[in-house]
Amino acid sequence: MPGGPGAQVFANNGCGGCHTLAAARSGGVTGPNLDEVLPGQSAAMIEKSIVDPNATIAKGFPANVMPQNYGETLTPKEVEDLAQYLIEST
């Protein structure tokens, strides 16, 4: 699959329903545009944003919108794969 396992995690968890990501052909606007906010972020920063989304909130977006449970519903490997996919895609 293009994008590898991280692309599958992105698709399977509905990330594109809320986020724009050109590589995934998603145009969600509930959350920040990942093509704009992720460049320059480390894998650790992206993983933190996935499992603790209220730790750092993109300007203009409210807290408590992104699900808080991805640290429980995704395996550590899935979080790592997703972060790597996002880095490679942005």
Protein backbone atom coordinates (compact mmCIF):
# COMPACT_ATOMS: atom_id res chain seq x y z
CA MET A 1 0.00 0.00 0.00
CA PRO A 2 1.36 3.48 -0.82
CA GLY A 3 2.58 5.10 2.37
CA GLY A 4 3.07 1.76 4.08
CA PRO A 5 1.64 0.75 7.44
CA GLY A 6 1.36 4.34 8.67
CA ALA A 7 -0.96 5.22 5.80
CA GLN A 8 -3.14 2.29 6.81
CA VAL A 9 -3.25 3.52 10.43
CA PHE A 10 -4.22 7.00 9.17
CA ALA A 11 -7.02 5.54 7.04
CA ASN A 12 -8.26 2.98 9.56
CA ASN A 13 -8.63 5.52 12.35
CA GLY A 14 -10.45 8.18 10.34
CA CYS A 15 -7.69 10.79 10.68
CA GLY A 16 -8.62 12.25 7.28
CA GLY A 17 -12.13 12.98 8.49
CA CYS A 18 -10.71 15.79 10.61
CA HIS A 19 -7.33 16.59 9.04
CA THR A 20 -6.18 17.68 5.61
CA LEU A 21 -3.22 15.65 4.34
CA ALA A 22 -2.46 15.81 0.64
CA ALA A 23 -0.69 12.42 0.63
CA ALA A 24 -3.85 10.76 1.95
CA ARG A 25 -6.12 12.83 -0.29
CA SER A 26 -8.00 13.95 2.81
CA GLY A 27 -9.51 17.37 3.33
CA GLY A 28 -10.89 17.45 6.84
CA VAL A 29 -11.04 20.87 8.50
CA THR A 30 -12.06 20.04 12.08
CA GLY A 31 -8.37 19.75 13.01
CA PRO A 32 -5.23 21.46 11.75
CA ASN A 33 -3.99 20.97 8.20
CA LEU A 34 -1.18 18.47 8.72
CA ASP A 35 0.62 19.64 5.58
CA GLU A 36 1.00 23.04 7.27
CA VAL A 37 1.61 22.21 10.93
CA LEU A 38 3.83 19.11 10.81
CA PRO A 39 6.87 20.10 8.72
CA GLY A 40 9.85 20.50 11.03
CA GLN A 41 8.35 18.50 13.89
CA SER A 42 10.22 15.48 15.22
CA ALA A 43 8.72 12.01 15.37
CA ALA A 44 8.58 12.33 19.17
CA MET A 45 6.60 15.58 18.91
CA ILE A 46 4.16 14.04 16.43
CA GLU A 47 3.71 10.90 18.55
CA LYS A 48 3.02 13.09 21.59
CA SER A 49 0.39 15.00 19.60
CA ILE A 50 -1.31 11.72 18.67
CA VAL A 51 -1.47 10.21 22.17
CA ASP A 52 -1.83 13.49 24.13
CA PRO A 53 -3.50 15.90 21.71
CA ASN A 54 -4.13 18.58 24.33
CA ALA A 55 -0.40 18.87 25.17
CA THR A 56 0.13 21.33 22.31
CA ILE A 57 -2.84 22.71 20.44
CA ALA A 58 -2.48 24.37 17.05
CA LYS A 59 -3.41 28.05 17.10
CA GLY A 60 -7.05 28.61 16.31
CA PHE A 61 -8.23 25.16 17.34
CA PRO A 62 -10.00 24.27 20.62
CA ALA A 63 -8.91 21.67 23.13
CA ASN A 64 -10.71 18.36 23.63
CA VAL A 65 -11.78 17.90 20.00
CA MET A 66 -9.30 15.21 18.97
CA PRO A 67 -9.95 11.88 20.70
CA GLN A 68 -7.80 11.47 23.79
CA ASN A 69 -7.57 7.68 23.62
CA TYR A 70 -5.24 6.94 20.71
CA GLY A 71 -2.56 5.97 23.22
CA GLU A 72 -4.90 3.16 24.29
CA THR A 73 -6.47 2.18 20.98
CA LEU A 74 -3.28 2.20 18.91
CA THR A 75 -0.28 0.03 19.64
CA PRO A 76 3.07 1.77 20.18
CA LYS A 77 4.13 0.41 16.77
CA GLU A 78 1.03 1.90 15.11
CA VAL A 79 1.74 5.29 16.69
CA GLU A 80 5.35 5.06 15.49
CA ASP A 81 4.26 4.00 11.97
CA LEU A 82 1.72 6.82 11.82
CA ALA A 83 4.26 9.44 12.93
CA GLN A 84 6.76 8.18 10.35
CA TYR A 85 4.12 8.31 7.62
CA LEU A 86 3.23 11.87 8.59
CA ILE A 87 6.88 12.94 8.53
CA GLU A 88 7.42 11.35 5.12
CA SER A 89 4.19 12.83 3.77
CA THR A 90 4.72 16.41 4.86
